[in-house]
Amino acid sequence: MNHATVIGAGLAGCEAAWQLAQRGIAVTLHEMKPQKRSPAHHSDQFAELCCSNSLRGAEICTAPGLLKEELRRVGSLIIACADATRVEAGGALAVDREAFAAMITEKVRSHPNITVVEGEVTEIPAEGDVIIATGPLTSDALFDAIRHRLGEREYLHFYDAAAPIVSFETVDMESAYFASRYDKGTADYINCPMSREEYDAFWEALCSAEEAPVHGFEDKKVFEGCMPVEVMGRRGHDTLLYGPLKPVGLRDPRTGRDPYAVVQLRKDNAAGSLYNLVGFQTHLKFPEQKRVFSMIPALKNAEFVRYGVMHRNTFMDSPRLLDRFYRLRSEPRIRFAGQMTGVEGYIESTASGFLAGFTLARELAGQEPVEFTNLTAIGALGLYVSNEACGKFQPMNINFGIIEPLGYRVKGKREKNTQIANRALEKLDGLLDEINYNNAE
């Protein structure tokens, strides 16, 4: 039986290991937990969601929705478990994060072709096929080994943040209401309105609150898609009103009008006992988070079961290092997957893990890689991170801008995106016979 090594049991690593195992490849999956954790990890389960519990938009006319549907059709473990553990979140796919991680952990650990080895990996294996999927929180020892192999100049850093979580029973529902923006989908979000005076006081406190020390932190290094709320606030009085506190389309049933500002809470588990503050990634000191966020009227007596944290993320200069199948150009037996490659987000990491694992399985079976093109979201991500013509490389979420345009005009953004998505799925369906070849399920 052919063999492969996967390092890291996050979303990308679990997906890669699953794709290999399902195609008859013996997999050794290394995971440093429970022996060692990064600062952002709280659980010993695989595929722990450290930041949000949302896998973003579910509709096919959105790029995240398209990518999830592609992954669903090619047999993704991560998407199957997400679908099985979803919680209501309007037009998004959000999951009960504990149930989600537990299901993935059980499926991976019980697979007959996967052997899990616990403990930190500090060196890249000297031989054999390997997929490194240790994520943006790669341990210092392995990070140094990778940097030594690639050259120090090939690595960049940015910083990521996680939002606080509050207990539902401590939210003052007399000061809040359930609704989804523009009444789209079901009313799954708790909306915490603020008047102009309440917002002004909150904004001033937020901008002057004391941050936890993060070595080397600078605003310019914050990835725009996961910006700490205090950094966003310091950019201007109204910045938050066009971001996470945007009130448009969230009419307060008590007044019949949109509030001045709204903080949204999203369900974090299936029981609905925990909610996270949407867009409130932060690295304020814990007492400061309690003080400032309790100024939100509906959260004045809230119990914070987890405070926000800030941690270092690391990503590669992938266009100079990797090909479209996430293989190291200088040594193709070594592959990378996940956020360290510059695909930003949970489903994007899953897609990279799928393509890295699936392509390796085909190669070990003596088959050529399947040509996912930029007509598909999966292929577009691989081409984005391997595009040598790009200038300064930055992490990227899936978006229609990196997928091949239609080549003709379509009236309306939604209709245009729907046609792009339908074309992508038609292209993908034409590849399914190759994709499912030698798949155990």
Protein backbone atom coordinates (compact mmCIF):
# COMPACT_ATOMS: atom_id res chain seq x y z
CA MET A 1 0.00 0.00 0.00
CA ASN A 2 1.26 3.46 -0.89
CA HIS A 3 1.97 5.79 2.02
CA ALA A 4 1.82 9.53 2.69
CA THR A 5 2.48 11.73 5.71
CA VAL A 6 0.23 14.62 6.70
CA ILE A 7 1.37 17.06 9.38
CA GLY A 8 -1.40 18.94 11.15
CA ALA A 9 -4.98 17.89 11.91
CA GLY A 10 -6.72 21.18 11.22
CA LEU A 11 -9.27 21.61 8.44
CA ALA A 12 -6.76 21.30 5.61
CA GLY A 13 -4.84 18.42 7.16
CA CYS A 14 -7.93 16.39 7.99
CA GLU A 15 -9.33 16.96 4.51
CA ALA A 16 -6.04 15.96 2.86
CA ALA A 17 -5.71 12.84 5.02
CA TRP A 18 -9.31 11.85 4.30
CA GLN A 19 -8.95 12.22 0.53
CA LEU A 20 -5.81 10.09 0.57
CA ALA A 21 -7.29 7.42 2.85
CA GLN A 22 -10.51 7.21 0.85
CA ARG A 23 -8.41 6.36 -2.18
CA GLY A 24 -6.54 3.52 -0.52
CA ILE A 25 -3.44 5.40 0.63
CA ALA A 26 -2.03 4.64 4.08
CA VAL A 27 -1.76 7.94 5.94
CA THR A 28 0.27 8.87 8.98
CA LEU A 29 -1.36 11.98 10.43
CA HIS A 30 0.75 13.94 12.91
CA GLU A 31 -0.96 16.31 15.37
CA MET A 32 0.83 18.07 18.22
CA LYS A 33 -2.29 18.31 20.41
CA PRO A 34 -2.90 17.33 23.17
CA GLN A 35 0.78 17.40 24.07
CA LYS A 36 1.17 20.97 22.86
CA ARG A 37 -1.23 23.74 21.90
CA SER A 38 -0.89 27.12 20.24
CA PRO A 39 -2.19 30.19 22.13
CA ALA A 40 -5.40 30.16 20.05
CA HIS A 41 -6.34 26.54 20.68
CA HIS A 42 -8.78 25.59 23.45
CA SER A 43 -9.64 21.98 22.58
CA ASP A 44 -7.85 18.70 21.90
CA GLN A 45 -10.19 17.91 18.99
CA PHE A 46 -9.13 18.01 15.36
CA ALA A 47 -10.35 20.80 13.03
CA GLU A 48 -10.89 23.24 15.89
CA LEU A 49 -12.43 26.52 14.72
CA CYS A 50 -10.42 29.11 16.62
CA CYS A 51 -12.09 32.27 15.31
CA SER A 52 -15.65 32.37 13.99
CA ASN A 53 -17.99 29.38 13.77
CA SER A 54 -19.31 30.59 10.41
CA LEU A 55 -18.23 29.12 7.09
CA ARG A 56 -19.81 32.18 5.47
CA GLY A 57 -22.44 32.50 2.75
CA ALA A 58 -24.37 29.42 1.65
CA GLU A 59 -26.11 30.76 -1.44
CA ILE A 60 -24.77 29.61 -4.79
CA CYS A 61 -24.65 33.20 -6.07
CA THR A 62 -21.88 33.92 -3.53
CA ALA A 63 -18.30 32.77 -4.00
CA PRO A 64 -18.16 31.04 -0.58
CA GLY A 65 -21.45 29.30 -1.41
CA LEU A 66 -20.06 28.10 -4.72
CA LEU A 67 -16.87 26.79 -3.15
CA LYS A 68 -18.83 24.87 -0.52
CA GLU A 69 -21.06 23.31 -3.17
CA GLU A 70 -18.01 22.26 -5.20
CA LEU A 71 -16.47 20.67 -2.11
CA ARG A 72 -19.77 18.98 -1.30
CA ARG A 73 -19.86 17.39 -4.75
CA VAL A 74 -16.28 16.09 -4.60
CA GLY A 75 -16.83 14.35 -1.27
CA SER A 76 -15.30 16.75 1.23
CA LEU A 77 -15.20 15.44 4.79
CA ILE A 78 -15.21 18.95 6.25
CA ILE A 79 -18.31 20.11 4.37
CA ALA A 80 -20.17 16.86 5.14
CA CYS A 81 -19.51 17.38 8.86
CA ALA A 82 -20.43 21.06 8.62
CA ASP A 83 -23.75 20.20 7.00
CA ALA A 84 -24.42 17.64 9.75
CA THR A 85 -23.68 20.07 12.61
CA ARG A 86 -25.01 23.33 11.22
CA VAL A 87 -26.81 25.89 13.35
CA GLU A 88 -29.22 28.48 12.02
CA ALA A 89 -27.44 31.61 10.79
CA GLY A 90 -29.62 33.17 8.12
CA GLY A 91 -27.92 32.92 4.74
CA ALA A 92 -24.65 31.57 6.16
CA LEU A 93 -23.41 28.06 6.97
CA ALA A 94 -22.49 28.18 10.65
CA VAL A 95 -21.76 25.15 12.82
CA ASP A 96 -21.84 23.99 16.40
CA ARG A 97 -18.08 24.16 16.68
CA GLU A 98 -17.72 21.48 19.36
CA ALA A 99 -19.98 18.98 17.58
CA PHE A 100 -18.27 19.78 14.27
CA ALA A 101 -14.76 19.14 15.61
CA ALA A 102 -15.89 16.01 17.49
CA MET A 103 -17.43 14.50 14.35
CA ILE A 104 -14.33 15.14 12.24
CA THR A 105 -12.06 13.78 14.96
CA GLU A 106 -14.09 10.57 15.25
CA LYS A 107 -14.23 9.99 11.50
CA VAL A 108 -10.51 10.58 11.01
CA ARG A 109 -9.40 8.54 14.00
CA SER A 110 -11.63 5.61 13.06
CA HIS A 111 -10.60 5.43 9.40
CA PRO A 112 -8.72 2.16 8.82
CA ASN A 113 -6.18 3.81 6.50
CA ILE A 114 -5.26 6.65 8.89
CA THR A 115 -2.80 6.31 11.78
CA VAL A 116 -2.74 9.29 14.13
CA VAL A 117 0.57 10.09 15.81
CA GLU A 118 0.39 12.61 18.64
CA GLY A 119 3.25 14.97 19.35
CA GLU A 120 5.03 17.92 17.80
CA VAL A 121 6.86 17.49 14.49
CA THR A 122 9.99 19.61 14.47
CA GLU A 123 11.52 18.66 11.11
CA ILE A 124 10.28 18.09 7.58
CA PRO A 125 10.55 14.33 6.85
CA ALA A 126 13.73 13.65 4.89
CA GLU A 127 11.98 11.37 2.40
CA GLY A 128 8.56 10.29 1.25
CA ASP A 129 5.49 12.26 0.24
CA VAL A 130 4.37 14.79 2.83
CA ILE A 131 1.66 17.43 3.13
CA ILE A 132 2.40 20.15 5.67
CA ALA A 133 -0.87 21.61 6.91
CA THR A 134 0.11 23.07 10.25
CA GLY A 135 -1.70 26.32 9.60
CA PRO A 136 -0.91 29.91 10.43
CA LEU A 137 -0.03 28.87 14.00
CA THR A 138 2.81 26.52 13.06
CA SER A 139 4.99 25.74 16.08
CA ASP A 140 8.26 27.60 16.35
CA ALA A 141 10.42 24.52 15.80
CA LEU A 142 8.67 23.41 12.62
CA PHE A 143 8.43 26.99 11.43
CA ASP A 144 12.21 27.30 11.73
CA ALA A 145 12.66 24.03 9.83
CA ILE A 146 10.41 25.24 7.02
CA ARG A 147 12.09 28.63 6.92
CA HIS A 148 15.50 26.96 6.76
CA ARG A 149 14.33 24.80 3.83
CA LEU A 150 12.76 27.68 1.92
CA GLY A 151 14.97 30.59 2.87
CA GLU A 152 14.09 33.20 5.49
CA ARG A 153 13.09 35.86 2.95
CA GLU A 154 10.28 33.63 1.65
CA TYR A 155 8.12 34.05 4.75
CA LEU A 156 5.73 36.83 5.73
CA HIS A 157 3.64 37.42 8.84
CA PHE A 158 0.31 38.91 9.69
CA TYR A 159 -1.89 38.85 12.75
CA ASP A 160 -5.26 37.28 13.33
CA ALA A 161 -7.87 37.73 16.04
CA ALA A 162 -10.79 35.82 17.55
CA ALA A 163 -14.08 37.26 18.81
CA PRO A 164 -15.52 36.90 22.33
CA ILE A 165 -18.37 34.51 23.13
CA VAL A 166 -21.18 35.28 25.58
CA SER A 167 -23.79 33.17 27.34
CA PHE A 168 -27.25 33.60 25.81
CA GLU A 169 -29.05 33.58 29.15
CA THR A 170 -27.10 36.66 30.23
CA VAL A 171 -28.02 38.74 27.17
CA ASP A 172 -30.65 41.36 28.02
CA MET A 173 -33.30 40.54 25.41
CA GLU A 174 -35.37 43.53 26.49
CA SER A 175 -32.59 45.58 24.87
CA ALA A 176 -32.16 43.26 21.87
CA TYR A 177 -34.18 41.48 19.21
CA PHE A 178 -33.89 38.58 16.77
CA ALA A 179 -33.63 39.48 13.08
CA SER A 180 -31.64 38.86 9.92
CA ARG A 181 -30.62 41.76 7.72
CA TYR A 182 -33.44 42.78 5.36
CA ASP A 183 -35.42 39.84 6.84
CA LYS A 184 -33.33 37.53 4.66
CA GLY A 185 -33.66 33.91 5.73
CA THR A 186 -34.70 33.16 9.29
CA ALA A 187 -34.25 35.56 12.19
CA ASP A 188 -31.19 33.87 13.65
CA TYR A 189 -29.08 36.81 14.79
CA ILE A 190 -29.49 38.63 18.08
CA ASN A 191 -29.31 42.34 17.33
CA CYS A 192 -28.10 44.71 20.05
CA PRO A 193 -29.08 48.28 19.05
CA MET A 194 -27.30 51.42 20.20
CA SER A 195 -28.39 55.05 20.13
CA ARG A 196 -26.07 57.82 18.92
CA GLU A 197 -25.15 58.70 22.50
CA GLU A 198 -24.52 55.05 23.45
CA TYR A 199 -22.41 54.49 20.35
CA ASP A 200 -20.33 57.63 20.93
CA ALA A 201 -19.49 56.55 24.48
CA PHE A 202 -18.71 53.00 23.33
CA TRP A 203 -16.51 54.21 20.47
CA GLU A 204 -14.46 56.51 22.69
CA ALA A 205 -13.94 53.75 25.26
CA LEU A 206 -13.01 51.24 22.57
CA CYS A 207 -10.43 53.48 20.93
CA SER A 208 -8.71 54.27 24.24
CA ALA A 209 -8.88 50.75 25.75
CA GLU A 210 -5.66 49.00 26.69
CA GLU A 211 -4.44 46.28 24.35
CA ALA A 212 -2.71 43.07 25.31
CA PRO A 213 0.96 43.05 24.25
CA VAL A 214 1.60 41.40 20.90
CA HIS A 215 5.22 41.50 19.84
CA GLY A 216 5.69 43.36 16.57
CA PHE A 217 2.04 44.30 16.14
CA GLU A 218 1.32 47.19 13.79
CA ASP A 219 -1.99 48.22 12.28
CA LYS A 220 -0.58 47.88 8.77
CA LYS A 221 0.04 44.18 9.33
CA VAL A 222 -3.54 43.37 10.22
CA PHE A 223 -5.25 41.29 7.56
CA GLU A 224 -8.19 43.37 6.41
CA GLY A 225 -10.63 40.46 6.54
CA CYS A 226 -10.07 39.81 10.24
CA MET A 227 -9.25 43.26 11.62
CA PRO A 228 -9.46 43.76 15.40
CA VAL A 229 -12.49 45.87 16.23
CA GLU A 230 -10.40 48.40 18.15
CA VAL A 231 -8.13 48.91 15.14
CA MET A 232 -11.17 49.45 12.95
CA GLY A 233 -12.57 51.93 15.47
CA ARG A 234 -9.37 53.97 15.52
CA ARG A 235 -9.69 54.52 11.78
CA GLY A 236 -12.61 56.87 12.31
CA HIS A 237 -15.82 57.50 14.21
CA ASP A 238 -18.03 56.06 11.45
CA THR A 239 -15.84 53.15 10.33
CA LEU A 240 -17.64 50.62 12.54
CA LEU A 241 -21.00 51.89 11.28
CA TYR A 242 -20.07 50.67 7.81
CA GLY A 243 -18.60 47.44 9.18
CA PRO A 244 -19.67 45.12 12.02
CA LEU A 245 -22.04 47.70 13.59
CA LYS A 246 -23.83 48.46 10.32
CA PRO A 247 -27.52 49.05 11.15
CA VAL A 248 -29.00 49.08 7.63
CA GLY A 249 -31.76 46.51 7.12
CA LEU A 250 -32.04 45.63 10.82
CA ARG A 251 -35.24 47.45 11.73
CA ASP A 252 -35.92 47.54 15.46
CA PRO A 253 -39.47 46.17 15.93
CA ARG A 254 -39.95 48.43 18.95
CA THR A 255 -39.38 51.64 16.97
CA GLY A 256 -40.04 50.60 13.38
CA ARG A 257 -36.71 52.21 12.36
CA ASP A 258 -33.12 51.15 11.83
CA PRO A 259 -31.05 51.93 14.96
CA TYR A 260 -28.00 54.19 14.87
CA ALA A 261 -25.70 51.17 15.36
CA VAL A 262 -26.22 47.45 15.86
CA VAL A 263 -23.96 44.77 17.34
CA GLN A 264 -24.93 41.34 16.03
CA LEU A 265 -24.58 38.07 17.94
CA ARG A 266 -24.48 34.76 16.07
CA LYS A 267 -25.31 31.35 17.53
CA ASP A 268 -22.13 29.43 18.36
CA ASN A 269 -23.58 26.03 19.25
CA ALA A 270 -26.65 23.99 18.32
CA ALA A 271 -28.19 24.39 21.76
CA GLY A 272 -28.20 28.16 21.32
CA SER A 273 -26.62 28.67 24.74
CA LEU A 274 -23.57 30.50 23.35
CA TYR A 275 -23.34 33.44 20.94
CA ASN A 276 -20.30 35.17 19.46
CA LEU A 277 -19.96 38.89 18.77
CA VAL A 278 -19.90 39.12 14.98
CA GLY A 279 -16.90 41.08 13.72
CA PHE A 280 -15.52 41.68 17.23
CA GLN A 281 -12.13 40.05 16.81
CA THR A 282 -9.93 41.78 19.34
CA HIS A 283 -6.71 41.76 21.29
CA LEU A 284 -7.77 44.06 24.10
CA LYS A 285 -6.82 42.93 27.58
CA PHE A 286 -9.51 40.71 29.09
CA PRO A 287 -10.66 43.23 31.79
CA GLU A 288 -10.87 45.89 29.08
CA GLN A 289 -13.01 43.63 26.91
CA LYS A 290 -15.41 43.14 29.83
CA ARG A 291 -15.51 46.86 30.57
CA VAL A 292 -15.93 48.14 27.01
CA PHE A 293 -18.19 45.46 25.53
CA SER A 294 -20.47 45.65 28.57
CA MET A 295 -21.24 49.21 27.44
CA ILE A 296 -23.39 47.66 24.71
CA PRO A 297 -26.84 47.91 26.36
CA ALA A 298 -27.90 44.32 25.69
CA LEU A 299 -24.57 43.05 27.06
CA LYS A 300 -24.48 45.12 30.24
CA ASN A 301 -24.72 41.96 32.38
CA ALA A 302 -23.35 39.48 29.87
CA GLU A 303 -21.18 36.58 30.94
CA PHE A 304 -18.15 36.30 28.65
CA VAL A 305 -17.40 32.59 28.44
CA ARG A 306 -14.44 33.27 26.14
CA TYR A 307 -12.62 36.52 25.55
CA GLY A 308 -11.10 37.51 22.23
CA VAL A 309 -7.46 36.70 21.58
CA MET A 310 -4.81 37.94 19.16
CA HIS A 311 -2.14 35.68 17.74
CA ARG A 312 0.50 35.56 15.06
CA ASN A 313 -0.37 34.08 11.71
CA THR A 314 2.19 33.02 9.14
CA PHE A 315 1.85 32.59 5.41
CA MET A 316 4.22 31.74 2.56
CA ASP A 317 5.20 33.73 -0.48
CA SER A 318 3.42 30.95 -2.35
CA PRO A 319 3.62 32.24 -5.95
CA ARG A 320 7.39 31.90 -5.80
CA LEU A 321 7.26 28.55 -4.01
CA LEU A 322 4.23 26.45 -4.95
CA ASP A 323 2.53 25.19 -8.09
CA ARG A 324 -1.22 25.08 -8.69
CA PHE A 325 -1.50 21.74 -6.86
CA TYR A 326 0.26 23.13 -3.76
CA ARG A 327 3.48 21.23 -4.51
CA LEU A 328 6.80 22.81 -3.61
CA ARG A 329 8.36 23.71 -6.95
CA SER A 330 11.88 22.92 -5.77
CA GLU A 331 10.88 19.58 -4.18
CA PRO A 332 7.47 18.32 -5.38
CA ARG A 333 7.29 15.48 -2.85
CA ILE A 334 6.61 18.21 -0.27
CA ARG A 335 3.21 19.87 -0.39
CA PHE A 336 1.61 22.56 1.72
CA ALA A 337 -2.07 23.15 2.45
CA GLY A 338 -4.22 25.51 4.47
CA GLN A 339 -3.87 29.13 5.45
CA MET A 340 -0.08 29.04 5.43
CA THR A 341 -0.31 28.89 1.62
CA GLY A 342 -2.22 32.19 1.46
CA VAL A 343 -5.74 30.83 1.05
CA GLU A 344 -7.61 32.76 3.72
CA GLY A 345 -10.58 31.19 5.48
CA TYR A 346 -12.01 27.89 6.64
CA ILE A 347 -13.49 26.67 3.37
CA GLU A 348 -10.51 27.93 1.38
CA SER A 349 -8.20 25.91 3.67
CA THR A 350 -10.44 22.89 3.17
CA ALA A 351 -10.25 23.32 -0.61
CA SER A 352 -6.46 23.43 -0.56
CA GLY A 353 -6.36 20.31 1.62
CA PHE A 354 -8.71 18.55 -0.77
CA LEU A 355 -6.67 19.41 -3.85
CA ALA A 356 -3.31 18.59 -2.24
CA GLY A 357 -4.52 15.23 -0.90
CA PHE A 358 -6.55 14.27 -3.95
CA THR A 359 -3.72 15.12 -6.36
CA LEU A 360 -1.16 13.19 -4.31
CA ALA A 361 -3.46 10.14 -4.23
CA ARG A 362 -3.71 10.20 -8.01
CA GLU A 363 0.04 10.53 -8.41
CA LEU A 364 0.66 7.58 -6.09
CA ALA A 365 -1.79 5.58 -8.23
CA GLY A 366 0.16 6.50 -11.37
CA GLN A 367 -2.46 8.95 -12.63
CA GLU A 368 -2.14 12.51 -13.89
CA PRO A 369 -3.58 15.38 -11.85
CA VAL A 370 -7.14 16.44 -12.66
CA GLU A 371 -7.13 19.84 -14.36
CA PHE A 372 -9.23 22.06 -12.12
CA THR A 373 -9.19 25.32 -14.06
CA ASN A 374 -10.13 28.82 -12.97
CA LEU A 375 -13.63 28.09 -14.20
CA THR A 376 -14.05 26.43 -10.80
CA ALA A 377 -13.53 27.94 -7.36
CA ILE A 378 -11.24 25.09 -6.28
CA GLY A 379 -9.04 25.58 -9.32
CA ALA A 380 -9.08 29.38 -9.08
CA LEU A 381 -7.66 29.27 -5.55
CA GLY A 382 -4.81 27.00 -6.60
CA LEU A 383 -4.02 29.25 -9.54
CA TYR A 384 -4.15 32.37 -7.35
CA VAL A 385 -1.59 31.13 -4.83
CA SER A 386 0.73 29.91 -7.58
CA ASN A 387 0.54 32.93 -9.90
CA GLU A 388 4.16 34.01 -10.36
CA ALA A 389 3.05 37.16 -12.18
CA CYS A 390 1.54 38.66 -9.02
CA GLY A 391 3.38 41.42 -7.20
CA LYS A 392 3.23 41.63 -3.42
CA PHE A 393 1.37 38.50 -2.37
CA GLN A 394 -1.46 38.77 0.16
CA PRO A 395 -3.84 36.13 1.57
CA MET A 396 -7.10 35.82 -0.33
CA ASN A 397 -10.62 34.61 0.40
CA ILE A 398 -12.48 33.00 -2.48
CA ASN A 399 -14.18 35.62 -4.65
CA PHE A 400 -15.57 35.85 -8.16
CA GLY A 401 -12.74 38.16 -9.12
CA ILE A 402 -10.27 35.26 -9.35
CA ILE A 403 -12.67 33.03 -11.33
CA GLU A 404 -12.73 33.26 -15.13
CA PRO A 405 -15.31 35.90 -16.17
CA LEU A 406 -18.24 34.96 -18.41
CA GLY A 407 -16.99 36.90 -21.40
CA TYR A 408 -20.33 38.57 -21.99
CA ARG A 409 -22.45 41.10 -20.16
CA VAL A 410 -25.19 40.06 -17.75
CA LYS A 411 -27.57 42.50 -16.12
CA GLY A 412 -27.39 42.41 -12.35
CA LYS A 413 -24.56 41.21 -10.11
CA ARG A 414 -26.59 38.39 -8.58
CA GLU A 415 -27.58 36.98 -11.98
CA LYS A 416 -24.02 37.29 -13.27
CA ASN A 417 -22.61 35.46 -10.25
CA THR A 418 -25.28 32.78 -10.52
CA GLN A 419 -24.30 32.12 -14.13
CA ILE A 420 -20.61 31.92 -13.17
CA ALA A 421 -21.51 29.46 -10.40
CA ASN A 422 -23.66 27.31 -12.69
CA ARG A 423 -20.85 27.19 -15.25
CA ALA A 424 -18.39 26.15 -12.51
CA LEU A 425 -20.62 23.33 -11.30
CA GLU A 426 -21.20 22.13 -14.87
CA LYS A 427 -17.42 22.04 -15.37
CA LEU A 428 -16.95 20.21 -12.08
CA ASP A 429 -19.67 17.67 -12.84
CA GLY A 430 -17.77 16.78 -16.00
CA LEU A 431 -14.77 15.86 -13.85
CA LEU A 432 -16.58 13.76 -11.25
CA ASP A 433 -15.83 10.39 -12.89
CA GLU A 434 -12.11 11.14 -12.58
CA ILE A 435 -12.48 12.63 -9.11
CA ASN A 436 -14.41 9.67 -7.72
CA TYR A 437 -12.17 7.03 -9.30
CA ASN A 438 -10.81 4.67 -6.65
CA ASN A 439 -12.77 6.48 -3.92
CA ALA A 440 -13.65 4.02 -1.19
CA GLU A 441 -17.06 5.58 -0.54
